[in-house]
Amino acid sequence: MGSVWRDSRSIADLGQNMALWLEGRGPAWPGYGADFGYEEEADVRHLVPVLAAANRAGFVTTCSQPGYDHGGTRQRAWVEGIVHDRSPLLGRLLGLERMGFTVIRGSRTPQLVLTEEDGHPFTTLGYRVRRDWKAREWHGVGRHALRELRQHGVTLHLIDMAWGRDDRLWPALANAIR
């Protein structure tokens, strides 16, 4: 896992480390369990700059996908992450709802299909997580960072509800993190 994660003392530190991992310059984050994954694929590589910048700004991204519609598969552009509850960034991210995006705050989410294959749900959002999920997902990070995640981390899901559209969410996210 690497000492950078154990040495993390805050949500901001986790964001810095996540940015390095996304760019292929750091070890995998604890919840991922691999050195590098789908980020190497050409169809999602374009997300790395905005996701790395979001992480550096304090929105620690944990899941994302581009909008896509081709060959019987369609998906919505979507990103999930954690931001400090006292960060001004939280308000700016919540403000994306005024721009027409769906913004879900918290870990209890409504059932929502994010990806369909041949008209059938493939990837869905809609789950309730255990109370200790942050401790399990972030096992191995510094205890100060884990404490901050538990006490001040707000989970956000940002979704462009239009199937296949990949040109609105990412520029809006880039603008919100400035």
N, C-alpha and C. Protein backbone atom coordinates (compact mmCIF):
# COMPACT_ATOMS: atom_id res chain seq x y z
N MET A 1 0.82 -1.19 0.00
CA MET A 1 0.00 0.00 0.00
C MET A 1 0.87 1.25 0.00
N GLY A 2 2.01 1.19 0.64
CA GLY A 2 2.89 2.34 0.61
C GLY A 2 2.70 3.24 1.81
N SER A 3 3.77 3.84 2.24
CA SER A 3 3.72 4.67 3.44
C SER A 3 2.97 5.97 3.21
N VAL A 4 2.82 6.43 1.97
CA VAL A 4 2.11 7.69 1.75
C VAL A 4 0.69 7.62 2.32
N TRP A 5 0.06 6.49 2.24
CA TRP A 5 -1.29 6.34 2.78
C TRP A 5 -1.24 6.28 4.31
N ARG A 6 -0.32 5.54 4.86
CA ARG A 6 -0.19 5.46 6.33
C ARG A 6 0.19 6.81 6.92
N ASP A 7 0.93 7.60 6.17
CA ASP A 7 1.37 8.90 6.65
C ASP A 7 0.32 10.00 6.47
N SER A 8 -0.78 9.70 5.82
CA SER A 8 -1.84 10.70 5.61
C SER A 8 -2.42 11.13 6.94
N ARG A 9 -2.60 12.44 7.06
CA ARG A 9 -3.13 12.98 8.32
C ARG A 9 -4.48 13.67 8.13
N SER A 10 -4.94 13.81 6.89
CA SER A 10 -6.17 14.57 6.65
C SER A 10 -6.82 14.12 5.34
N ILE A 11 -8.04 14.59 5.13
CA ILE A 11 -8.72 14.36 3.87
C ILE A 11 -7.91 14.98 2.73
N ALA A 12 -7.33 16.16 2.99
CA ALA A 12 -6.50 16.81 1.97
C ALA A 12 -5.32 15.93 1.58
N ASP A 13 -4.67 15.30 2.56
CA ASP A 13 -3.57 14.38 2.25
C ASP A 13 -4.05 13.21 1.40
N LEU A 14 -5.22 12.67 1.73
CA LEU A 14 -5.77 11.56 0.94
C LEU A 14 -6.00 12.00 -0.50
N GLY A 15 -6.48 13.22 -0.68
CA GLY A 15 -6.69 13.75 -2.03
C GLY A 15 -5.39 13.87 -2.82
N GLN A 16 -4.34 14.35 -2.16
CA GLN A 16 -3.04 14.45 -2.83
C GLN A 16 -2.55 13.08 -3.27
N ASN A 17 -2.69 12.09 -2.38
CA ASN A 17 -2.24 10.73 -2.71
C ASN A 17 -3.10 10.10 -3.81
N MET A 18 -4.40 10.37 -3.78
CA MET A 18 -5.29 9.82 -4.80
C MET A 18 -4.93 10.42 -6.17
N ALA A 19 -4.62 11.70 -6.21
CA ALA A 19 -4.22 12.33 -7.47
C ALA A 19 -2.97 11.66 -8.04
N LEU A 20 -2.00 11.41 -7.18
CA LEU A 20 -0.77 10.74 -7.64
C LEU A 20 -1.07 9.34 -8.17
N TRP A 21 -1.97 8.61 -7.49
CA TRP A 21 -2.33 7.27 -7.96
C TRP A 21 -3.02 7.35 -9.32
N LEU A 22 -3.95 8.28 -9.48
CA LEU A 22 -4.65 8.42 -10.76
C LEU A 22 -3.67 8.71 -11.89
N GLU A 23 -2.65 9.47 -11.59
CA GLU A 23 -1.65 9.82 -12.60
C GLU A 23 -0.61 8.72 -12.80
N GLY A 24 -0.73 7.64 -12.04
CA GLY A 24 0.21 6.52 -12.17
C GLY A 24 1.52 6.77 -11.47
N ARG A 25 1.55 7.71 -10.52
CA ARG A 25 2.80 8.07 -9.84
C ARG A 25 2.81 7.72 -8.37
N GLY A 26 1.80 6.98 -7.92
CA GLY A 26 1.74 6.63 -6.51
C GLY A 26 1.07 5.27 -6.34
N PRO A 27 1.19 4.72 -5.13
CA PRO A 27 0.58 3.40 -4.87
C PRO A 27 -0.94 3.49 -4.82
N ALA A 28 -1.58 2.36 -5.05
CA ALA A 28 -3.04 2.27 -5.05
C ALA A 28 -3.61 2.71 -3.72
N TRP A 29 -4.78 3.28 -3.77
CA TRP A 29 -5.46 3.65 -2.53
C TRP A 29 -6.02 2.39 -1.88
N PRO A 30 -6.16 2.41 -0.57
CA PRO A 30 -6.52 1.19 0.17
C PRO A 30 -7.79 0.50 -0.30
N GLY A 31 -8.80 1.25 -0.71
CA GLY A 31 -10.06 0.65 -1.12
C GLY A 31 -10.03 0.02 -2.49
N TYR A 32 -8.95 0.20 -3.23
CA TYR A 32 -8.87 -0.30 -4.61
C TYR A 32 -8.21 -1.66 -4.68
N GLY A 33 -7.10 -1.81 -4.04
CA GLY A 33 -6.45 -3.11 -3.95
C GLY A 33 -5.63 -3.52 -5.15
N ALA A 34 -5.30 -2.60 -6.02
CA ALA A 34 -4.44 -2.90 -7.17
C ALA A 34 -3.55 -1.69 -7.43
N ASP A 35 -2.45 -1.90 -8.12
CA ASP A 35 -1.56 -0.78 -8.38
C ASP A 35 -2.15 0.25 -9.32
N PHE A 36 -2.80 -0.21 -10.37
CA PHE A 36 -3.38 0.72 -11.33
C PHE A 36 -4.42 -0.04 -12.11
N GLY A 37 -5.51 0.59 -12.45
CA GLY A 37 -6.60 -0.16 -13.05
C GLY A 37 -7.10 0.44 -14.33
N TYR A 38 -8.41 0.59 -14.39
CA TYR A 38 -9.07 1.00 -15.62
C TYR A 38 -8.63 2.38 -16.09
N GLU A 39 -8.01 3.16 -15.24
CA GLU A 39 -7.58 4.49 -15.63
C GLU A 39 -6.63 4.47 -16.82
N GLU A 40 -6.02 3.30 -17.08
CA GLU A 40 -5.12 3.20 -18.22
C GLU A 40 -5.87 3.05 -19.54
N GLU A 41 -7.13 2.67 -19.50
CA GLU A 41 -7.89 2.45 -20.71
C GLU A 41 -8.11 3.77 -21.44
N ALA A 42 -8.01 3.74 -22.74
CA ALA A 42 -8.09 4.96 -23.55
C ALA A 42 -9.42 5.69 -23.38
N ASP A 43 -10.53 4.98 -23.18
CA ASP A 43 -11.82 5.65 -23.12
C ASP A 43 -12.07 6.39 -21.81
N VAL A 44 -11.24 6.21 -20.82
CA VAL A 44 -11.41 6.96 -19.57
C VAL A 44 -10.19 7.81 -19.23
N ARG A 45 -9.15 7.70 -19.99
CA ARG A 45 -7.92 8.43 -19.72
C ARG A 45 -8.15 9.94 -19.67
N HIS A 46 -9.12 10.41 -20.45
CA HIS A 46 -9.39 11.85 -20.47
C HIS A 46 -9.94 12.38 -19.14
N LEU A 47 -10.40 11.48 -18.26
CA LEU A 47 -10.92 11.91 -16.96
C LEU A 47 -9.81 12.19 -15.94
N VAL A 48 -8.64 11.63 -16.17
CA VAL A 48 -7.57 11.72 -15.17
C VAL A 48 -7.22 13.17 -14.80
N PRO A 49 -7.03 14.10 -15.74
CA PRO A 49 -6.67 15.46 -15.32
C PRO A 49 -7.70 16.12 -14.41
N VAL A 50 -8.98 16.01 -14.74
CA VAL A 50 -9.99 16.66 -13.90
C VAL A 50 -10.15 15.91 -12.58
N LEU A 51 -10.05 14.59 -12.58
CA LEU A 51 -10.16 13.84 -11.32
C LEU A 51 -8.95 14.12 -10.42
N ALA A 52 -7.77 14.18 -11.00
CA ALA A 52 -6.58 14.50 -10.20
C ALA A 52 -6.69 15.90 -9.61
N ALA A 53 -7.16 16.85 -10.41
CA ALA A 53 -7.34 18.23 -9.92
C ALA A 53 -8.40 18.28 -8.82
N ALA A 54 -9.48 17.52 -8.98
CA ALA A 54 -10.53 17.48 -7.95
C ALA A 54 -9.97 16.94 -6.64
N ASN A 55 -9.16 15.89 -6.73
CA ASN A 55 -8.54 15.33 -5.54
C ASN A 55 -7.62 16.34 -4.87
N ARG A 56 -6.83 17.03 -5.65
CA ARG A 56 -5.92 18.03 -5.09
C ARG A 56 -6.68 19.19 -4.45
N ALA A 57 -7.89 19.46 -4.96
CA ALA A 57 -8.71 20.55 -4.41
C ALA A 57 -9.46 20.13 -3.15
N GLY A 58 -9.49 18.81 -2.85
CA GLY A 58 -10.15 18.35 -1.64
C GLY A 58 -11.36 17.46 -1.84
N PHE A 59 -11.71 17.15 -3.09
CA PHE A 59 -12.79 16.21 -3.37
C PHE A 59 -12.12 14.88 -3.70
N VAL A 60 -12.07 13.98 -2.72
CA VAL A 60 -11.35 12.71 -2.85
C VAL A 60 -12.26 11.74 -3.60
N THR A 61 -11.98 11.54 -4.88
CA THR A 61 -12.84 10.71 -5.72
C THR A 61 -12.54 9.23 -5.50
N THR A 62 -13.61 8.44 -5.45
CA THR A 62 -13.47 7.01 -5.21
C THR A 62 -14.04 6.15 -6.33
N CYS A 63 -14.95 6.68 -7.12
CA CYS A 63 -15.52 5.97 -8.27
C CYS A 63 -15.90 7.00 -9.33
N SER A 64 -15.78 6.61 -10.59
CA SER A 64 -16.21 7.51 -11.66
C SER A 64 -16.35 6.72 -12.94
N GLN A 65 -17.10 7.29 -13.87
CA GLN A 65 -17.20 6.71 -15.21
C GLN A 65 -17.59 7.82 -16.18
N PRO A 66 -17.13 7.72 -17.43
CA PRO A 66 -17.52 8.70 -18.43
C PRO A 66 -18.91 8.37 -18.97
N GLY A 67 -19.53 9.35 -19.59
CA GLY A 67 -20.75 9.08 -20.34
C GLY A 67 -20.36 8.34 -21.61
N TYR A 68 -21.21 7.39 -22.01
CA TYR A 68 -20.85 6.53 -23.14
C TYR A 68 -22.12 5.94 -23.71
N ASP A 69 -22.19 5.84 -25.04
CA ASP A 69 -23.34 5.21 -25.69
C ASP A 69 -22.88 4.63 -27.02
N HIS A 70 -22.65 3.31 -27.02
CA HIS A 70 -22.15 2.67 -28.24
C HIS A 70 -22.33 1.16 -28.13
N GLY A 71 -22.74 0.54 -29.19
CA GLY A 71 -22.78 -0.92 -29.28
C GLY A 71 -23.62 -1.61 -28.23
N GLY A 72 -24.75 -1.02 -27.88
CA GLY A 72 -25.63 -1.66 -26.90
C GLY A 72 -25.31 -1.33 -25.46
N THR A 73 -24.24 -0.59 -25.22
CA THR A 73 -23.90 -0.17 -23.86
C THR A 73 -24.03 1.34 -23.78
N ARG A 74 -24.69 1.78 -22.74
CA ARG A 74 -24.79 3.22 -22.50
C ARG A 74 -24.62 3.47 -21.01
N GLN A 75 -23.96 4.59 -20.73
CA GLN A 75 -23.77 4.93 -19.32
C GLN A 75 -23.83 6.43 -19.12
N ARG A 76 -24.11 6.77 -17.88
CA ARG A 76 -24.16 8.17 -17.47
C ARG A 76 -22.80 8.57 -16.90
N ALA A 77 -22.39 9.80 -17.18
CA ALA A 77 -21.18 10.34 -16.54
C ALA A 77 -21.48 10.49 -15.06
N TRP A 78 -20.53 10.04 -14.23
CA TRP A 78 -20.78 9.98 -12.79
C TRP A 78 -19.47 9.97 -12.02
N VAL A 79 -19.48 10.61 -10.88
CA VAL A 79 -18.32 10.56 -9.99
C VAL A 79 -18.81 10.56 -8.54
N GLU A 80 -18.12 9.78 -7.72
CA GLU A 80 -18.40 9.70 -6.28
C GLU A 80 -17.13 10.12 -5.56
N GLY A 81 -17.30 10.83 -4.46
CA GLY A 81 -16.13 11.22 -3.68
C GLY A 81 -16.51 11.72 -2.31
N ILE A 82 -15.49 12.10 -1.57
CA ILE A 82 -15.64 12.58 -0.20
C ILE A 82 -14.99 13.95 -0.10
N VAL A 83 -15.68 14.86 0.57
CA VAL A 83 -15.17 16.21 0.79
C VAL A 83 -15.36 16.56 2.27
N HIS A 84 -14.49 17.38 2.80
CA HIS A 84 -14.58 17.82 4.19
C HIS A 84 -15.83 18.67 4.37
N ASP A 85 -16.58 18.44 5.45
CA ASP A 85 -17.84 19.16 5.66
C ASP A 85 -17.65 20.65 5.92
N ARG A 86 -16.44 21.08 6.23
CA ARG A 86 -16.19 22.51 6.47
C ARG A 86 -15.50 23.19 5.29
N SER A 87 -15.30 22.46 4.23
CA SER A 87 -14.62 23.01 3.06
C SER A 87 -15.60 23.84 2.23
N PRO A 88 -15.17 25.01 1.75
CA PRO A 88 -16.02 25.79 0.84
C PRO A 88 -16.33 25.00 -0.44
N LEU A 89 -15.49 24.02 -0.76
CA LEU A 89 -15.71 23.20 -1.94
C LEU A 89 -17.03 22.43 -1.85
N LEU A 90 -17.44 22.04 -0.66
CA LEU A 90 -18.71 21.32 -0.49
C LEU A 90 -19.86 22.11 -1.08
N GLY A 91 -19.96 23.37 -0.77
CA GLY A 91 -21.03 24.22 -1.30
C GLY A 91 -20.98 24.34 -2.81
N ARG A 92 -19.78 24.46 -3.35
CA ARG A 92 -19.65 24.57 -4.81
C ARG A 92 -20.05 23.28 -5.50
N LEU A 93 -19.71 22.14 -4.90
CA LEU A 93 -20.11 20.86 -5.49
C LEU A 93 -21.62 20.66 -5.38
N LEU A 94 -22.19 21.00 -4.24
CA LEU A 94 -23.65 20.92 -4.10
C LEU A 94 -24.34 21.84 -5.10
N GLY A 95 -23.70 22.95 -5.43
CA GLY A 95 -24.25 23.90 -6.40
C GLY A 95 -24.36 23.36 -7.82
N LEU A 96 -23.71 22.25 -8.10
CA LEU A 96 -23.83 21.65 -9.44
C LEU A 96 -25.27 21.22 -9.73
N GLU A 97 -26.06 21.03 -8.70
CA GLU A 97 -27.46 20.69 -8.89
C GLU A 97 -28.20 21.81 -9.62
N ARG A 98 -27.85 23.06 -9.33
CA ARG A 98 -28.46 24.21 -10.01
C ARG A 98 -28.11 24.24 -11.49
N MET A 99 -27.06 23.51 -11.88
CA MET A 99 -26.65 23.45 -13.29
C MET A 99 -27.29 22.26 -14.00
N GLY A 100 -28.19 21.56 -13.32
CA GLY A 100 -28.91 20.46 -13.95
C GLY A 100 -28.36 19.08 -13.67
N PHE A 101 -27.37 18.97 -12.82
CA PHE A 101 -26.83 17.66 -12.47
C PHE A 101 -27.56 17.12 -11.24
N THR A 102 -27.57 15.82 -11.12
CA THR A 102 -28.11 15.19 -9.92
C THR A 102 -26.98 15.10 -8.90
N VAL A 103 -27.22 15.63 -7.72
CA VAL A 103 -26.23 15.61 -6.65
C VAL A 103 -26.87 14.89 -5.46
N ILE A 104 -26.25 13.80 -5.05
CA ILE A 104 -26.76 13.03 -3.93
C ILE A 104 -25.73 13.12 -2.81
N ARG A 105 -26.18 13.57 -1.66
CA ARG A 105 -25.30 13.71 -0.51
C ARG A 105 -25.54 12.55 0.45
N GLY A 106 -24.48 11.91 0.87
CA GLY A 106 -24.59 10.85 1.85
C GLY A 106 -24.37 9.47 1.26
N SER A 107 -24.32 8.51 2.14
CA SER A 107 -24.03 7.14 1.71
C SER A 107 -25.29 6.30 1.50
N ARG A 108 -26.44 6.83 1.81
CA ARG A 108 -27.70 6.13 1.51
C ARG A 108 -28.24 6.74 0.25
N THR A 109 -28.21 5.97 -0.82
CA THR A 109 -28.56 6.50 -2.12
C THR A 109 -29.80 5.82 -2.68
N PRO A 110 -30.56 6.55 -3.50
CA PRO A 110 -31.70 5.92 -4.16
C PRO A 110 -31.21 4.97 -5.26
N GLN A 111 -32.05 4.05 -5.66
CA GLN A 111 -31.70 3.13 -6.74
C GLN A 111 -31.66 3.92 -8.05
N LEU A 112 -30.55 3.83 -8.74
CA LEU A 112 -30.36 4.57 -9.98
C LEU A 112 -29.44 3.77 -10.89
N VAL A 113 -29.86 3.55 -12.12
CA VAL A 113 -29.04 2.82 -13.08
C VAL A 113 -28.02 3.78 -13.69
N LEU A 114 -26.75 3.40 -13.63
CA LEU A 114 -25.67 4.22 -14.18
C LEU A 114 -25.19 3.69 -15.52
N THR A 115 -25.26 2.37 -15.71
CA THR A 115 -24.84 1.74 -16.96
C THR A 115 -25.85 0.67 -17.34
N GLU A 116 -26.20 0.64 -18.64
CA GLU A 116 -27.06 -0.41 -19.18
C GLU A 116 -26.32 -1.13 -20.29
N GLU A 117 -26.52 -2.43 -20.35
CA GLU A 117 -26.02 -3.23 -21.47
C GLU A 117 -27.21 -3.94 -22.09
N ASP A 118 -27.42 -3.67 -23.38
CA ASP A 118 -28.56 -4.24 -24.11
C ASP A 118 -29.87 -4.02 -23.39
N GLY A 119 -30.04 -2.83 -22.82
CA GLY A 119 -31.28 -2.45 -22.16
C GLY A 119 -31.46 -2.97 -20.75
N HIS A 120 -30.46 -3.65 -20.22
CA HIS A 120 -30.55 -4.20 -18.87
C HIS A 120 -29.58 -3.47 -17.94
N PRO A 121 -29.99 -3.21 -16.70
CA PRO A 121 -29.08 -2.55 -15.75
C PRO A 121 -27.81 -3.36 -15.57
N PHE A 122 -26.68 -2.67 -15.58
CA PHE A 122 -25.39 -3.32 -15.40
C PHE A 122 -24.67 -2.76 -14.17
N THR A 123 -24.60 -1.42 -14.09
CA THR A 123 -24.01 -0.75 -12.93
C THR A 123 -25.11 0.10 -12.32
N THR A 124 -25.30 -0.04 -11.02
CA THR A 124 -26.34 0.75 -10.36
C THR A 124 -25.77 1.44 -9.13
N LEU A 125 -26.41 2.52 -8.82
CA LEU A 125 -26.18 3.21 -7.56
C LEU A 125 -27.42 2.92 -6.75
N GLY A 126 -27.28 2.77 -5.50
CA GLY A 126 -28.44 2.50 -4.66
C GLY A 126 -28.07 1.48 -3.62
N TYR A 127 -27.55 1.95 -2.56
CA TYR A 127 -27.10 1.04 -1.53
C TYR A 127 -27.11 1.75 -0.18
N ARG A 128 -27.12 0.95 0.83
CA ARG A 128 -26.91 1.44 2.19
C ARG A 128 -25.61 0.82 2.65
N VAL A 129 -24.77 1.63 3.19
CA VAL A 129 -23.48 1.12 3.63
C VAL A 129 -23.47 0.96 5.14
N ARG A 130 -22.62 0.06 5.57
CA ARG A 130 -22.47 -0.15 7.00
C ARG A 130 -21.86 1.08 7.65
N ARG A 131 -22.14 1.25 8.92
CA ARG A 131 -21.61 2.39 9.66
C ARG A 131 -20.09 2.46 9.61
N ASP A 132 -19.45 1.32 9.57
CA ASP A 132 -17.99 1.29 9.61
C ASP A 132 -17.34 1.24 8.22
N TRP A 133 -18.09 1.59 7.17
CA TRP A 133 -17.56 1.44 5.82
C TRP A 133 -16.31 2.28 5.58
N LYS A 134 -16.24 3.47 6.15
CA LYS A 134 -15.05 4.30 5.92
C LYS A 134 -13.81 3.63 6.53
N ALA A 135 -13.98 3.06 7.71
CA ALA A 135 -12.84 2.38 8.35
C ALA A 135 -12.42 1.17 7.52
N ARG A 136 -13.37 0.45 6.94
CA ARG A 136 -13.04 -0.72 6.13
C ARG A 136 -12.46 -0.31 4.78
N GLU A 137 -13.07 0.66 4.14
CA GLU A 137 -12.61 1.11 2.82
C GLU A 137 -11.24 1.78 2.88
N TRP A 138 -10.97 2.48 3.96
CA TRP A 138 -9.73 3.23 4.10
C TRP A 138 -8.78 2.59 5.11
N HIS A 139 -8.93 1.31 5.35
CA HIS A 139 -8.05 0.60 6.28
C HIS A 139 -6.59 0.77 5.82
N GLY A 140 -5.75 1.20 6.72
CA GLY A 140 -4.34 1.37 6.39
C GLY A 140 -3.91 2.81 6.21
N VAL A 141 -4.86 3.75 6.20
CA VAL A 141 -4.45 5.15 6.14
C VAL A 141 -4.12 5.63 7.54
N GLY A 142 -3.48 6.76 7.64
CA GLY A 142 -3.13 7.31 8.94
C GLY A 142 -4.35 7.50 9.83
N ARG A 143 -4.17 7.29 11.11
CA ARG A 143 -5.32 7.35 12.03
C ARG A 143 -5.95 8.74 12.08
N HIS A 144 -5.14 9.79 11.90
CA HIS A 144 -5.69 11.15 11.90
C HIS A 144 -6.58 11.36 10.66
N ALA A 145 -6.13 10.85 9.53
CA ALA A 145 -6.92 10.96 8.30
C ALA A 145 -8.22 10.17 8.43
N LEU A 146 -8.13 8.98 8.99
CA LEU A 146 -9.34 8.16 9.17
C LEU A 146 -10.31 8.85 10.13
N ARG A 147 -9.81 9.43 11.18
CA ARG A 147 -10.68 10.15 12.12
C ARG A 147 -11.37 11.31 11.40
N GLU A 148 -10.62 12.05 10.59
CA GLU A 148 -11.22 13.17 9.87
C GLU A 148 -12.27 12.69 8.87
N LEU A 149 -11.99 11.59 8.19
CA LEU A 149 -12.99 11.01 7.28
C LEU A 149 -14.28 10.67 8.01
N ARG A 150 -14.15 10.04 9.16
CA ARG A 150 -15.33 9.63 9.94
C ARG A 150 -16.11 10.83 10.47
N GLN A 151 -15.38 11.82 10.98
CA GLN A 151 -16.04 12.94 11.64
C GLN A 151 -16.48 14.05 10.68
N HIS A 152 -15.75 14.22 9.58
CA HIS A 152 -16.02 15.37 8.72
C HIS A 152 -16.19 15.04 7.24
N GLY A 153 -16.03 13.79 6.85
CA GLY A 153 -16.14 13.43 5.44
C GLY A 153 -17.59 13.31 4.98
N VAL A 154 -17.92 14.04 3.93
CA VAL A 154 -19.25 14.00 3.32
C VAL A 154 -19.14 13.30 1.97
N THR A 155 -19.90 12.24 1.79
CA THR A 155 -19.91 11.53 0.52
C THR A 155 -20.86 12.23 -0.45
N LEU A 156 -20.38 12.47 -1.66
CA LEU A 156 -21.20 13.08 -2.72
C LEU A 156 -21.16 12.22 -3.96
N HIS A 157 -22.29 12.16 -4.65
CA HIS A 157 -22.40 11.52 -5.97
C HIS A 157 -22.85 12.62 -6.92
N LEU A 158 -22.10 12.83 -7.98
CA LEU A 158 -22.42 13.83 -8.99
C LEU A 158 -22.73 13.09 -10.28
N ILE A 159 -23.93 13.29 -10.84
CA ILE A 159 -24.39 12.48 -11.97
C ILE A 159 -24.99 13.35 -13.04
N ASP A 160 -24.59 13.13 -14.28
CA ASP A 160 -25.25 13.71 -15.44
C ASP A 160 -26.28 12.67 -15.88
N MET A 161 -27.54 12.95 -15.75
CA MET A 161 -28.59 11.97 -16.00
C MET A 161 -28.78 11.66 -17.49
N ALA A 162 -28.19 12.43 -18.38
CA ALA A 162 -28.32 12.17 -19.82
C ALA A 162 -27.44 10.98 -20.20
N TRP A 163 -28.05 9.98 -20.80
CA TRP A 163 -27.29 8.81 -21.24
C TRP A 163 -26.26 9.21 -22.28
N GLY A 164 -25.04 8.76 -22.11
CA GLY A 164 -23.99 8.92 -23.12
C GLY A 164 -23.32 10.26 -23.17
N ARG A 165 -23.85 11.26 -22.50
CA ARG A 165 -23.25 12.60 -22.58
C ARG A 165 -22.00 12.65 -21.70
N ASP A 166 -20.90 13.08 -22.28
CA ASP A 166 -19.63 13.10 -21.55
C ASP A 166 -18.95 14.46 -21.61
N ASP A 167 -19.68 15.48 -22.01
CA ASP A 167 -19.04 16.78 -22.20
C ASP A 167 -19.55 17.88 -21.27
N ARG A 168 -20.36 17.53 -20.27
CA ARG A 168 -20.88 18.56 -19.37
C ARG A 168 -20.39 18.41 -17.93
N LEU A 169 -20.43 17.19 -17.39
CA LEU A 169 -20.08 17.00 -15.97
C LEU A 169 -18.64 17.37 -15.69
N TRP A 170 -17.72 16.95 -16.53
CA TRP A 170 -16.30 17.15 -16.25
C TRP A 170 -15.90 18.62 -16.30
N PRO A 171 -16.35 19.41 -17.30
CA PRO A 171 -16.04 20.84 -17.24
C PRO A 171 -16.71 21.54 -16.04
N ALA A 172 -17.93 21.09 -15.67
CA ALA A 172 -18.60 21.68 -14.51
C ALA A 172 -17.83 21.37 -13.23
N LEU A 173 -17.33 20.14 -13.11
CA LEU A 173 -16.51 19.76 -11.96
C LEU A 173 -15.23 20.59 -11.93
N ALA A 174 -14.59 20.72 -13.08
CA ALA A 174 -13.35 21.52 -13.16
C ALA A 174 -13.60 22.95 -12.73
N ASN A 175 -14.73 23.51 -13.11
CA ASN A 175 -15.06 24.88 -12.72
C ASN A 175 -15.34 24.96 -11.23
N ALA A 176 -16.02 23.98 -10.66
CA ALA A 176 -16.36 23.99 -9.24
C ALA A 176 -15.14 23.89 -8.33
N ILE A 177 -14.10 23.24 -8.80
CA ILE A 177 -12.92 23.05 -7.94
C ILE A 177 -11.94 24.21 -8.00
N ARG A 178 -12.19 25.15 -8.86
CA ARG A 178 -11.28 26.31 -8.98
C ARG A 178 -11.41 27.23 -7.81
